Amino acid sequence: MKRLLLLIAVAALALPAAASAKGPSEATITGPGLGKAIRITGPEAEGSPLMNLAEAAGFFPAAFGQTPDPLAYARPKGDLGQKYSIGYVVPGPDGGNDKIHQDLYPYAKPGAWTHMAAGQPIFDFETHGGWFTDSRIKGILVARGLPQAPTTSSKSSSSAGFFSNGKIGAFVLVLFGIGAAAVLTRRHLRSTTT
């Protein structure tokens, strides 16, 4: 009987924590190569597109903490590639919404990483924070419009980049200056020889 009462007491204490650990109602992904932001909404139900994203991005352990802890607390080594942002809207118990930010590195090698900063306000506490990796996140986002491969930079050393960046004006000005100096030098030499 005492054991049953103890289990009921532990369950009653755990219930408010579980009830407050609600997930996001919306996620918006922005970053290089996207014509427009990727927006995913939906119910907080297992298997929904939004919950699949939240789980693959490590939203729950990064926001609320988890045991065993799947997060890393040091930046992964190597080149993480282009950085994207995930902005979550999380409905609060008081009817308001909390906004949580998470960085996303979908092209990191050997697999995608996310990072949520600790200390972001959510409900009546702060995010736990940390680094998380899951091979599913890139596929989830590619199906929604993320480029399969990183976008290339628009900056180029080609002549098109040279001309389009306004550098042609400076180049012409330098050439004009050199030409003017040559003409003046030649006139000066003519006037001294006559």
N, C-alpha and C. Protein backbone atom coordinates (compact mmCIF):
# COMPACT_ATOMS: atom_id res chain seq x y z
N MET A 1 0.82 -1.19 0.00
CA MET A 1 0.00 0.00 0.00
C MET A 1 0.87 1.26 0.00
N LYS A 2 1.93 1.26 0.82
CA LYS A 2 2.83 2.42 0.87
C LYS A 2 3.50 2.63 -0.48
N ARG A 3 3.84 1.53 -1.13
CA ARG A 3 4.49 1.63 -2.44
C ARG A 3 3.53 2.25 -3.45
N LEU A 4 2.27 1.88 -3.45
CA LEU A 4 1.27 2.43 -4.34
C LEU A 4 1.09 3.93 -4.10
N LEU A 5 1.01 4.33 -2.84
CA LEU A 5 0.88 5.75 -2.51
C LEU A 5 2.10 6.54 -2.98
N LEU A 6 3.28 5.94 -2.82
CA LEU A 6 4.51 6.61 -3.28
C LEU A 6 4.49 6.79 -4.80
N LEU A 7 4.05 5.77 -5.53
CA LEU A 7 3.98 5.88 -6.99
C LEU A 7 2.97 6.94 -7.41
N ILE A 8 1.83 7.02 -6.73
CA ILE A 8 0.82 8.03 -7.05
C ILE A 8 1.37 9.42 -6.78
N ALA A 9 2.10 9.59 -5.68
CA ALA A 9 2.68 10.89 -5.34
C ALA A 9 3.72 11.32 -6.38
N VAL A 10 4.57 10.38 -6.78
CA VAL A 10 5.59 10.70 -7.79
C VAL A 10 4.92 11.06 -9.12
N ALA A 11 3.89 10.31 -9.51
CA ALA A 11 3.17 10.60 -10.75
C ALA A 11 2.50 11.96 -10.68
N ALA A 12 1.93 12.31 -9.54
CA ALA A 12 1.27 13.61 -9.39
C ALA A 12 2.27 14.75 -9.49
N LEU A 13 3.47 14.56 -8.95
CA LEU A 13 4.50 15.59 -9.05
C LEU A 13 5.02 15.71 -10.47
N ALA A 14 5.10 14.62 -11.20
CA ALA A 14 5.63 14.64 -12.57
C ALA A 14 4.62 15.21 -13.56
N LEU A 15 3.33 15.13 -13.25
CA LEU A 15 2.30 15.58 -14.18
C LEU A 15 2.41 17.05 -14.56
N PRO A 16 2.60 18.01 -13.63
CA PRO A 16 2.71 19.41 -14.05
C PRO A 16 3.91 19.66 -14.96
N ALA A 17 5.03 18.98 -14.70
CA ALA A 17 6.21 19.17 -15.55
C ALA A 17 5.93 18.65 -16.96
N ALA A 18 5.27 17.48 -17.05
CA ALA A 18 4.97 16.92 -18.36
C ALA A 18 3.95 17.79 -19.09
N ALA A 19 2.98 18.32 -18.37
CA ALA A 19 1.95 19.15 -19.00
C ALA A 19 2.53 20.45 -19.54
N SER A 20 3.54 21.00 -18.87
CA SER A 20 4.11 22.26 -19.33
C SER A 20 5.10 22.08 -20.47
N ALA A 21 5.54 20.83 -20.72
CA ALA A 21 6.52 20.57 -21.77
C ALA A 21 5.81 20.43 -23.12
N LYS A 22 5.08 21.43 -23.51
CA LYS A 22 4.36 21.42 -24.78
C LYS A 22 5.33 21.78 -25.90
N GLY A 23 4.96 21.33 -27.08
CA GLY A 23 5.79 21.59 -28.23
C GLY A 23 5.35 22.82 -28.99
N PRO A 24 6.07 23.11 -30.07
CA PRO A 24 5.75 24.29 -30.88
C PRO A 24 4.49 24.09 -31.70
N SER A 25 3.87 25.20 -32.07
CA SER A 25 2.71 25.16 -32.97
C SER A 25 3.11 25.57 -34.38
N GLU A 26 4.32 26.10 -34.51
CA GLU A 26 4.80 26.58 -35.81
C GLU A 26 6.32 26.63 -35.79
N ALA A 27 6.93 26.35 -36.95
CA ALA A 27 8.37 26.50 -37.14
C ALA A 27 8.60 27.19 -38.49
N THR A 28 9.47 28.18 -38.50
CA THR A 28 9.81 28.90 -39.73
C THR A 28 11.31 28.81 -39.93
N ILE A 29 11.72 28.28 -41.09
CA ILE A 29 13.13 28.09 -41.40
C ILE A 29 13.53 29.12 -42.45
N THR A 30 14.61 29.86 -42.16
CA THR A 30 15.13 30.86 -43.09
C THR A 30 16.62 30.63 -43.29
N GLY A 31 17.14 31.07 -44.44
CA GLY A 31 18.56 30.94 -44.69
C GLY A 31 18.88 31.05 -46.17
N PRO A 32 20.18 30.87 -46.51
CA PRO A 32 20.63 31.05 -47.89
C PRO A 32 20.01 30.05 -48.85
N GLY A 33 19.67 30.53 -50.04
CA GLY A 33 19.16 29.67 -51.09
C GLY A 33 17.66 29.41 -51.03
N LEU A 34 17.00 29.93 -50.02
CA LEU A 34 15.55 29.75 -49.93
C LEU A 34 14.87 30.95 -50.58
N GLY A 35 14.03 30.71 -51.56
CA GLY A 35 13.29 31.79 -52.19
C GLY A 35 12.36 32.46 -51.18
N LYS A 36 11.76 31.65 -50.33
CA LYS A 36 10.93 32.15 -49.24
C LYS A 36 11.12 31.21 -48.06
N ALA A 37 10.74 31.66 -46.89
CA ALA A 37 10.90 30.86 -45.68
C ALA A 37 10.08 29.58 -45.78
N ILE A 38 10.59 28.52 -45.17
CA ILE A 38 9.85 27.27 -45.05
C ILE A 38 9.05 27.36 -43.75
N ARG A 39 7.75 27.22 -43.85
CA ARG A 39 6.89 27.33 -42.67
C ARG A 39 6.17 26.00 -42.47
N ILE A 40 6.31 25.44 -41.28
CA ILE A 40 5.66 24.17 -40.96
C ILE A 40 4.78 24.40 -39.74
N THR A 41 3.51 24.07 -39.87
CA THR A 41 2.57 24.19 -38.77
C THR A 41 1.86 22.85 -38.62
N GLY A 42 1.09 22.73 -37.56
CA GLY A 42 0.32 21.51 -37.40
C GLY A 42 0.11 21.17 -35.96
N PRO A 43 -0.58 20.07 -35.75
CA PRO A 43 -0.90 19.66 -34.39
C PRO A 43 0.32 19.08 -33.67
N GLU A 44 0.24 19.13 -32.35
CA GLU A 44 1.28 18.51 -31.54
C GLU A 44 0.92 17.04 -31.39
N ALA A 45 1.13 16.31 -32.47
CA ALA A 45 0.79 14.89 -32.49
C ALA A 45 1.97 14.12 -33.07
N GLU A 46 2.23 12.97 -32.49
CA GLU A 46 3.33 12.15 -32.97
C GLU A 46 3.13 11.83 -34.45
N GLY A 47 4.18 12.00 -35.24
CA GLY A 47 4.11 11.72 -36.66
C GLY A 47 3.68 12.90 -37.52
N SER A 48 3.25 14.02 -36.90
CA SER A 48 2.89 15.19 -37.70
C SER A 48 4.17 15.82 -38.25
N PRO A 49 4.09 16.52 -39.38
CA PRO A 49 5.30 17.14 -39.94
C PRO A 49 6.02 18.04 -38.94
N LEU A 50 5.27 18.81 -38.15
CA LEU A 50 5.90 19.71 -37.19
C LEU A 50 6.61 18.94 -36.07
N MET A 51 5.98 17.89 -35.57
CA MET A 51 6.62 17.11 -34.51
C MET A 51 7.81 16.33 -35.03
N ASN A 52 7.74 15.86 -36.30
CA ASN A 52 8.90 15.19 -36.89
C ASN A 52 10.09 16.15 -36.96
N LEU A 53 9.83 17.39 -37.37
CA LEU A 53 10.89 18.40 -37.42
C LEU A 53 11.43 18.68 -36.01
N ALA A 54 10.53 18.92 -35.06
CA ALA A 54 10.95 19.24 -33.69
C ALA A 54 11.80 18.13 -33.10
N GLU A 55 11.41 16.88 -33.32
CA GLU A 55 12.18 15.75 -32.80
C GLU A 55 13.53 15.63 -33.48
N ALA A 56 13.57 15.77 -34.82
CA ALA A 56 14.82 15.66 -35.57
C ALA A 56 15.77 16.82 -35.27
N ALA A 57 15.21 17.98 -34.89
CA ALA A 57 16.03 19.15 -34.56
C ALA A 57 16.46 19.16 -33.10
N GLY A 58 15.96 18.21 -32.31
CA GLY A 58 16.32 18.18 -30.89
C GLY A 58 15.65 19.27 -30.08
N PHE A 59 14.48 19.73 -30.54
CA PHE A 59 13.80 20.82 -29.84
C PHE A 59 13.55 20.49 -28.37
N PHE A 60 13.00 19.31 -28.09
CA PHE A 60 12.58 18.99 -26.74
C PHE A 60 13.73 18.88 -25.74
N PRO A 61 14.80 18.12 -26.04
CA PRO A 61 15.90 18.10 -25.07
C PRO A 61 16.60 19.45 -24.95
N ALA A 62 16.68 20.21 -26.06
CA ALA A 62 17.35 21.51 -26.01
C ALA A 62 16.51 22.54 -25.26
N ALA A 63 15.20 22.45 -25.38
CA ALA A 63 14.33 23.41 -24.70
C ALA A 63 14.11 23.05 -23.23
N PHE A 64 13.85 21.75 -22.95
CA PHE A 64 13.43 21.36 -21.61
C PHE A 64 14.43 20.51 -20.84
N GLY A 65 15.48 20.01 -21.53
CA GLY A 65 16.38 19.06 -20.87
C GLY A 65 15.80 17.66 -20.96
N GLN A 66 16.66 16.67 -20.82
CA GLN A 66 16.20 15.29 -20.94
C GLN A 66 17.21 14.36 -20.30
N THR A 67 16.75 13.24 -19.77
CA THR A 67 17.63 12.22 -19.22
C THR A 67 17.27 10.90 -19.89
N PRO A 68 18.23 10.18 -20.49
CA PRO A 68 19.62 10.57 -20.67
C PRO A 68 19.74 11.74 -21.65
N ASP A 69 20.76 12.52 -21.46
CA ASP A 69 20.95 13.77 -22.21
C ASP A 69 21.60 13.50 -23.56
N PRO A 70 20.89 13.76 -24.69
CA PRO A 70 21.46 13.51 -26.01
C PRO A 70 22.24 14.70 -26.58
N LEU A 71 22.39 15.78 -25.81
CA LEU A 71 23.00 17.01 -26.31
C LEU A 71 24.50 17.02 -26.12
N ALA A 72 25.17 17.80 -26.98
CA ALA A 72 26.59 18.12 -26.82
C ALA A 72 26.65 19.58 -26.37
N TYR A 73 27.68 19.93 -25.62
CA TYR A 73 27.75 21.29 -25.10
C TYR A 73 28.93 22.07 -25.64
N ALA A 74 29.70 21.46 -26.52
CA ALA A 74 30.78 22.16 -27.21
C ALA A 74 30.46 22.14 -28.70
N ARG A 75 30.83 23.20 -29.39
CA ARG A 75 30.60 23.27 -30.84
C ARG A 75 31.30 22.09 -31.50
N PRO A 76 30.60 21.39 -32.42
CA PRO A 76 31.24 20.28 -33.12
C PRO A 76 32.45 20.76 -33.92
N LYS A 77 33.44 19.91 -34.03
CA LYS A 77 34.64 20.25 -34.79
C LYS A 77 34.35 20.23 -36.28
N GLY A 78 35.13 20.97 -37.03
CA GLY A 78 35.01 20.96 -38.48
C GLY A 78 34.10 22.06 -39.00
N ASP A 79 33.96 22.06 -40.32
CA ASP A 79 33.14 23.05 -41.01
C ASP A 79 31.68 22.63 -40.94
N LEU A 80 30.85 23.45 -40.36
CA LEU A 80 29.43 23.12 -40.24
C LEU A 80 28.64 23.54 -41.48
N GLY A 81 29.25 24.31 -42.37
CA GLY A 81 28.55 24.74 -43.58
C GLY A 81 27.63 25.92 -43.31
N GLN A 82 26.73 26.15 -44.24
CA GLN A 82 25.84 27.31 -44.17
C GLN A 82 24.90 27.21 -42.96
N LYS A 83 24.65 28.38 -42.35
CA LYS A 83 23.78 28.43 -41.18
C LYS A 83 22.39 28.90 -41.58
N TYR A 84 21.40 28.19 -41.08
CA TYR A 84 19.99 28.54 -41.25
C TYR A 84 19.42 28.79 -39.86
N SER A 85 18.22 29.33 -39.80
CA SER A 85 17.56 29.60 -38.52
C SER A 85 16.21 28.93 -38.49
N ILE A 86 15.88 28.40 -37.33
CA ILE A 86 14.53 27.88 -37.09
C ILE A 86 13.92 28.77 -36.01
N GLY A 87 12.80 29.38 -36.32
CA GLY A 87 12.07 30.17 -35.34
C GLY A 87 10.80 29.42 -34.95
N TYR A 88 10.71 29.05 -33.69
CA TYR A 88 9.54 28.31 -33.19
C TYR A 88 8.58 29.26 -32.49
N VAL A 89 7.29 28.99 -32.65
CA VAL A 89 6.25 29.64 -31.85
C VAL A 89 5.71 28.55 -30.92
N VAL A 90 5.81 28.80 -29.61
CA VAL A 90 5.38 27.82 -28.62
C VAL A 90 4.25 28.43 -27.79
N PRO A 91 3.04 27.87 -27.91
CA PRO A 91 1.93 28.40 -27.11
C PRO A 91 2.19 28.20 -25.62
N GLY A 92 2.00 29.25 -24.86
CA GLY A 92 2.21 29.19 -23.42
C GLY A 92 0.94 28.88 -22.66
N PRO A 93 1.06 28.52 -21.39
CA PRO A 93 -0.11 28.17 -20.60
C PRO A 93 -1.03 29.36 -20.34
N ASP A 94 -0.51 30.57 -20.44
CA ASP A 94 -1.33 31.76 -20.18
C ASP A 94 -2.01 32.31 -21.44
N GLY A 95 -1.90 31.58 -22.54
CA GLY A 95 -2.53 32.01 -23.78
C GLY A 95 -1.59 32.78 -24.70
N GLY A 96 -0.43 33.20 -24.20
CA GLY A 96 0.54 33.91 -25.03
C GLY A 96 1.43 32.92 -25.77
N ASN A 97 2.33 33.44 -26.58
CA ASN A 97 3.27 32.62 -27.32
C ASN A 97 4.70 32.99 -26.94
N ASP A 98 5.53 31.96 -26.77
CA ASP A 98 6.97 32.17 -26.61
C ASP A 98 7.61 31.93 -27.97
N LYS A 99 8.66 32.68 -28.25
CA LYS A 99 9.40 32.50 -29.50
C LYS A 99 10.80 31.99 -29.14
N ILE A 100 11.14 30.84 -29.71
CA ILE A 100 12.40 30.18 -29.44
C ILE A 100 13.20 30.11 -30.75
N HIS A 101 14.49 30.41 -30.66
CA HIS A 101 15.37 30.40 -31.84
C HIS A 101 16.34 29.22 -31.75
N GLN A 102 16.56 28.59 -32.90
CA GLN A 102 17.52 27.50 -32.98
C GLN A 102 18.30 27.66 -34.28
N ASP A 103 19.63 27.54 -34.22
CA ASP A 103 20.46 27.56 -35.42
C ASP A 103 20.47 26.17 -36.03
N LEU A 104 20.54 26.11 -37.35
CA LEU A 104 20.50 24.85 -38.08
C LEU A 104 21.64 24.83 -39.09
N TYR A 105 22.38 23.71 -39.11
CA TYR A 105 23.49 23.51 -40.05
C TYR A 105 23.19 22.22 -40.83
N PRO A 106 22.34 22.29 -41.86
CA PRO A 106 21.91 21.06 -42.54
C PRO A 106 22.98 20.39 -43.39
N TYR A 107 24.04 21.12 -43.76
CA TYR A 107 25.05 20.57 -44.66
C TYR A 107 26.34 20.20 -43.93
N ALA A 108 26.31 20.17 -42.62
CA ALA A 108 27.51 19.80 -41.85
C ALA A 108 27.89 18.36 -42.20
N LYS A 109 29.16 18.07 -42.13
CA LYS A 109 29.66 16.72 -42.39
C LYS A 109 30.06 16.10 -41.06
N PRO A 110 29.70 14.89 -40.76
CA PRO A 110 29.01 13.92 -41.60
C PRO A 110 27.49 14.04 -41.57
N GLY A 111 26.92 14.87 -40.71
CA GLY A 111 25.47 15.02 -40.66
C GLY A 111 25.07 16.35 -40.07
N ALA A 112 23.80 16.69 -40.22
CA ALA A 112 23.27 17.98 -39.78
C ALA A 112 23.36 18.16 -38.26
N TRP A 113 23.53 19.42 -37.85
CA TRP A 113 23.54 19.80 -36.43
C TRP A 113 22.58 20.96 -36.21
N THR A 114 22.04 21.03 -35.01
CA THR A 114 21.29 22.20 -34.58
C THR A 114 21.89 22.69 -33.28
N HIS A 115 21.69 23.97 -33.00
CA HIS A 115 22.14 24.55 -31.73
C HIS A 115 21.08 25.49 -31.20
N MET A 116 20.68 25.24 -29.96
CA MET A 116 19.75 26.14 -29.27
C MET A 116 20.52 26.77 -28.11
N ALA A 117 20.50 28.10 -28.07
CA ALA A 117 21.16 28.80 -26.97
C ALA A 117 20.38 28.59 -25.68
N ALA A 118 21.11 28.42 -24.61
CA ALA A 118 20.48 28.30 -23.29
C ALA A 118 19.98 29.67 -22.85
N GLY A 119 18.97 29.68 -21.99
CA GLY A 119 18.52 30.92 -21.38
C GLY A 119 17.42 31.66 -22.11
N GLN A 120 16.87 31.09 -23.18
CA GLN A 120 15.74 31.73 -23.86
C GLN A 120 14.47 31.49 -23.03
N PRO A 121 13.69 32.52 -22.77
CA PRO A 121 12.50 32.32 -21.94
C PRO A 121 11.46 31.44 -22.63
N ILE A 122 11.00 30.43 -21.90
CA ILE A 122 9.93 29.56 -22.36
C ILE A 122 9.10 29.17 -21.14
N PHE A 123 7.81 29.43 -21.20
CA PHE A 123 6.89 29.24 -20.09
C PHE A 123 7.41 30.03 -18.89
N ASP A 124 7.60 29.37 -17.75
CA ASP A 124 8.08 30.09 -16.58
C ASP A 124 9.53 29.74 -16.24
N PHE A 125 10.30 29.26 -17.24
CA PHE A 125 11.72 28.97 -17.04
C PHE A 125 12.48 29.31 -18.30
N GLU A 126 13.69 28.79 -18.47
CA GLU A 126 14.53 29.12 -19.62
C GLU A 126 14.97 27.84 -20.33
N THR A 127 15.31 27.98 -21.62
CA THR A 127 15.74 26.81 -22.38
C THR A 127 17.03 26.24 -21.80
N HIS A 128 17.13 24.93 -21.92
CA HIS A 128 18.30 24.18 -21.45
C HIS A 128 19.51 24.46 -22.35
N GLY A 129 19.30 24.37 -23.66
CA GLY A 129 20.33 24.68 -24.65
C GLY A 129 21.28 23.53 -24.91
N GLY A 130 21.90 23.57 -26.11
CA GLY A 130 22.91 22.59 -26.47
C GLY A 130 22.89 22.28 -27.96
N TRP A 131 23.83 21.43 -28.36
CA TRP A 131 23.99 20.99 -29.74
C TRP A 131 23.34 19.63 -29.92
N PHE A 132 22.71 19.40 -31.08
CA PHE A 132 22.01 18.15 -31.33
C PHE A 132 22.23 17.74 -32.78
N THR A 133 22.38 16.44 -33.01
CA THR A 133 22.54 15.94 -34.38
C THR A 133 21.56 14.81 -34.64
N ASP A 134 21.01 14.82 -35.84
CA ASP A 134 20.07 13.79 -36.26
C ASP A 134 20.09 13.76 -37.79
N SER A 135 20.27 12.59 -38.36
CA SER A 135 20.38 12.48 -39.82
C SER A 135 19.06 12.75 -40.55
N ARG A 136 17.93 12.75 -39.84
CA ARG A 136 16.63 12.92 -40.50
C ARG A 136 16.32 14.36 -40.89
N ILE A 137 16.90 15.33 -40.21
CA ILE A 137 16.45 16.73 -40.38
C ILE A 137 16.65 17.26 -41.79
N LYS A 138 17.78 16.93 -42.41
CA LYS A 138 18.02 17.44 -43.76
C LYS A 138 16.96 16.92 -44.72
N GLY A 139 16.63 15.64 -44.67
CA GLY A 139 15.62 15.06 -45.55
C GLY A 139 14.24 15.67 -45.33
N ILE A 140 13.91 15.92 -44.06
CA ILE A 140 12.62 16.55 -43.75
C ILE A 140 12.52 17.91 -44.42
N LEU A 141 13.61 18.68 -44.36
CA LEU A 141 13.59 20.03 -44.91
C LEU A 141 13.76 20.06 -46.43
N VAL A 142 14.52 19.12 -46.99
CA VAL A 142 14.64 19.06 -48.45
C VAL A 142 13.26 18.78 -49.06
N ALA A 143 12.48 17.93 -48.41
CA ALA A 143 11.12 17.64 -48.89
C ALA A 143 10.23 18.89 -48.84
N ARG A 144 10.63 19.89 -48.04
CA ARG A 144 9.84 21.12 -47.90
C ARG A 144 10.43 22.29 -48.68
N GLY A 145 11.55 22.09 -49.39
CA GLY A 145 12.08 23.16 -50.23
C GLY A 145 13.52 23.57 -49.95
N LEU A 146 14.17 22.96 -48.97
CA LEU A 146 15.59 23.24 -48.73
C LEU A 146 16.40 22.67 -49.89
N PRO A 147 17.37 23.43 -50.44
CA PRO A 147 18.19 22.87 -51.52
C PRO A 147 18.91 21.59 -51.06
N GLN A 148 19.04 20.62 -51.95
CA GLN A 148 19.70 19.36 -51.63
C GLN A 148 21.16 19.58 -51.25
N ALA A 149 21.79 20.55 -51.91
CA ALA A 149 23.20 20.86 -51.65
C ALA A 149 23.31 22.34 -51.28
N PRO A 150 24.40 22.72 -50.60
CA PRO A 150 24.57 24.13 -50.24
C PRO A 150 24.55 25.03 -51.46
N THR A 151 24.00 26.22 -51.29
CA THR A 151 24.00 27.18 -52.38
C THR A 151 25.39 27.78 -52.50
N THR A 152 25.75 28.16 -53.73
CA THR A 152 27.05 28.78 -53.93
C THR A 152 26.91 30.27 -53.66
N SER A 153 28.00 30.86 -53.28
CA SER A 153 28.02 32.29 -52.99
C SER A 153 27.82 33.08 -54.27
N SER A 154 27.14 34.20 -54.17
CA SER A 154 26.94 35.05 -55.35
C SER A 154 28.17 35.87 -55.65
N LYS A 155 29.09 35.92 -54.72
CA LYS A 155 30.33 36.67 -54.97
C LYS A 155 31.23 35.82 -55.84
N SER A 156 31.85 36.43 -56.80
CA SER A 156 32.65 35.69 -57.75
C SER A 156 33.84 36.53 -58.17
N SER A 157 34.91 35.83 -58.53
CA SER A 157 36.08 36.55 -59.04
C SER A 157 36.02 36.67 -60.55
N SER A 158 34.92 36.22 -61.15
CA SER A 158 34.78 36.31 -62.59
C SER A 158 34.59 37.76 -63.02
N SER A 159 34.65 37.99 -64.32
CA SER A 159 34.47 39.36 -64.81
C SER A 159 33.06 39.84 -64.54
N ALA A 160 32.07 38.94 -64.53
CA ALA A 160 30.70 39.36 -64.23
C ALA A 160 30.62 39.93 -62.82
N GLY A 161 31.27 39.26 -61.86
CA GLY A 161 31.29 39.76 -60.49
C GLY A 161 32.03 41.08 -60.40
N PHE A 162 33.10 41.22 -61.18
CA PHE A 162 33.86 42.45 -61.17
C PHE A 162 33.01 43.62 -61.64
N PHE A 163 32.32 43.42 -62.76
CA PHE A 163 31.53 44.50 -63.32
C PHE A 163 30.26 44.78 -62.51
N SER A 164 29.66 43.76 -61.93
CA SER A 164 28.40 43.97 -61.22
C SER A 164 28.59 44.57 -59.84
N ASN A 165 29.76 44.56 -59.30
CA ASN A 165 29.98 45.07 -57.96
C ASN A 165 30.44 46.52 -57.93
N GLY A 166 30.34 47.22 -59.05
CA GLY A 166 30.71 48.63 -59.08
C GLY A 166 32.22 48.86 -59.14
N LYS A 167 32.97 47.80 -59.30
CA LYS A 167 34.43 47.94 -59.34
C LYS A 167 34.89 48.52 -60.67
N ILE A 168 34.05 48.42 -61.68
CA ILE A 168 34.42 48.95 -63.00
C ILE A 168 34.63 50.46 -62.94
N GLY A 169 33.81 51.14 -62.13
CA GLY A 169 33.96 52.59 -62.00
C GLY A 169 35.33 52.96 -61.44
N ALA A 170 35.76 52.24 -60.42
CA ALA A 170 37.08 52.51 -59.83
C ALA A 170 38.18 52.18 -60.83
N PHE A 171 38.01 51.10 -61.58
CA PHE A 171 39.00 50.70 -62.57
C PHE A 171 39.13 51.77 -63.66
N VAL A 172 37.99 52.26 -64.15
CA VAL A 172 38.00 53.30 -65.18
C VAL A 172 38.65 54.57 -64.63
N LEU A 173 38.36 54.93 -63.40
CA LEU A 173 38.94 56.11 -62.79
C LEU A 173 40.46 55.99 -62.70
N VAL A 174 40.95 54.81 -62.31
CA VAL A 174 42.40 54.60 -62.24
C VAL A 174 43.01 54.72 -63.64
N LEU A 175 42.38 54.09 -64.64
CA LEU A 175 42.89 54.19 -66.01
C LEU A 175 42.89 55.65 -66.50
N PHE A 176 41.83 56.38 -66.19
CA PHE A 176 41.77 57.78 -66.56
C PHE A 176 42.91 58.56 -65.90
N GLY A 177 43.16 58.29 -64.64
CA GLY A 177 44.24 58.98 -63.93
C GLY A 177 45.60 58.68 -64.55
N ILE A 178 45.82 57.41 -64.90
CA ILE A 178 47.09 57.04 -65.54
C ILE A 178 47.23 57.72 -66.89
N GLY A 179 46.15 57.75 -67.67
CA GLY A 179 46.17 58.41 -68.99
C GLY A 179 46.43 59.90 -68.85
N ALA A 180 45.77 60.55 -67.89
CA ALA A 180 45.97 61.99 -67.68
C ALA A 180 47.40 62.26 -67.26
N ALA A 181 47.94 61.43 -66.37
CA ALA A 181 49.33 61.62 -65.94
C ALA A 181 50.29 61.46 -67.11
N ALA A 182 50.01 60.50 -68.00
CA ALA A 182 50.88 60.29 -69.17
C ALA A 182 50.83 61.49 -70.11
N VAL A 183 49.61 62.03 -70.34
CA VAL A 183 49.47 63.20 -71.22
C VAL A 183 50.20 64.38 -70.62
N LEU A 184 50.04 64.66 -69.35
CA LEU A 184 50.70 65.79 -68.70
C LEU A 184 52.21 65.64 -68.71
N THR A 185 52.68 64.40 -68.48
CA THR A 185 54.12 64.17 -68.51
C THR A 185 54.67 64.40 -69.91
N ARG A 186 53.96 63.95 -70.90
CA ARG A 186 54.41 64.14 -72.27
C ARG A 186 54.44 65.62 -72.63
N ARG A 187 53.42 66.40 -72.24
CA ARG A 187 53.40 67.84 -72.52
C ARG A 187 54.55 68.53 -71.80
N HIS A 188 54.77 68.08 -70.55
CA HIS A 188 55.85 68.70 -69.79
C HIS A 188 57.20 68.43 -70.46
N LEU A 189 57.40 67.22 -70.95
CA LEU A 189 58.65 66.89 -71.62
C LEU A 189 58.81 67.68 -72.92
N ARG A 190 57.74 67.91 -73.68
CA ARG A 190 57.79 68.67 -74.91
C ARG A 190 58.14 70.13 -74.64
N SER A 191 57.51 70.68 -73.57
CA SER A 191 57.76 72.08 -73.29
C SER A 191 59.19 72.31 -72.80
N THR A 192 59.78 71.37 -72.14
CA THR A 192 61.16 71.56 -71.66
C THR A 192 62.18 71.34 -72.76
N THR A 193 61.85 70.58 -73.79
CA THR A 193 62.79 70.34 -74.90
C THR A 193 62.72 71.43 -75.95
N THR A 194 61.72 72.26 -75.99
CA THR A 194 61.62 73.33 -76.98
C THR A 194 62.17 74.61 -76.51
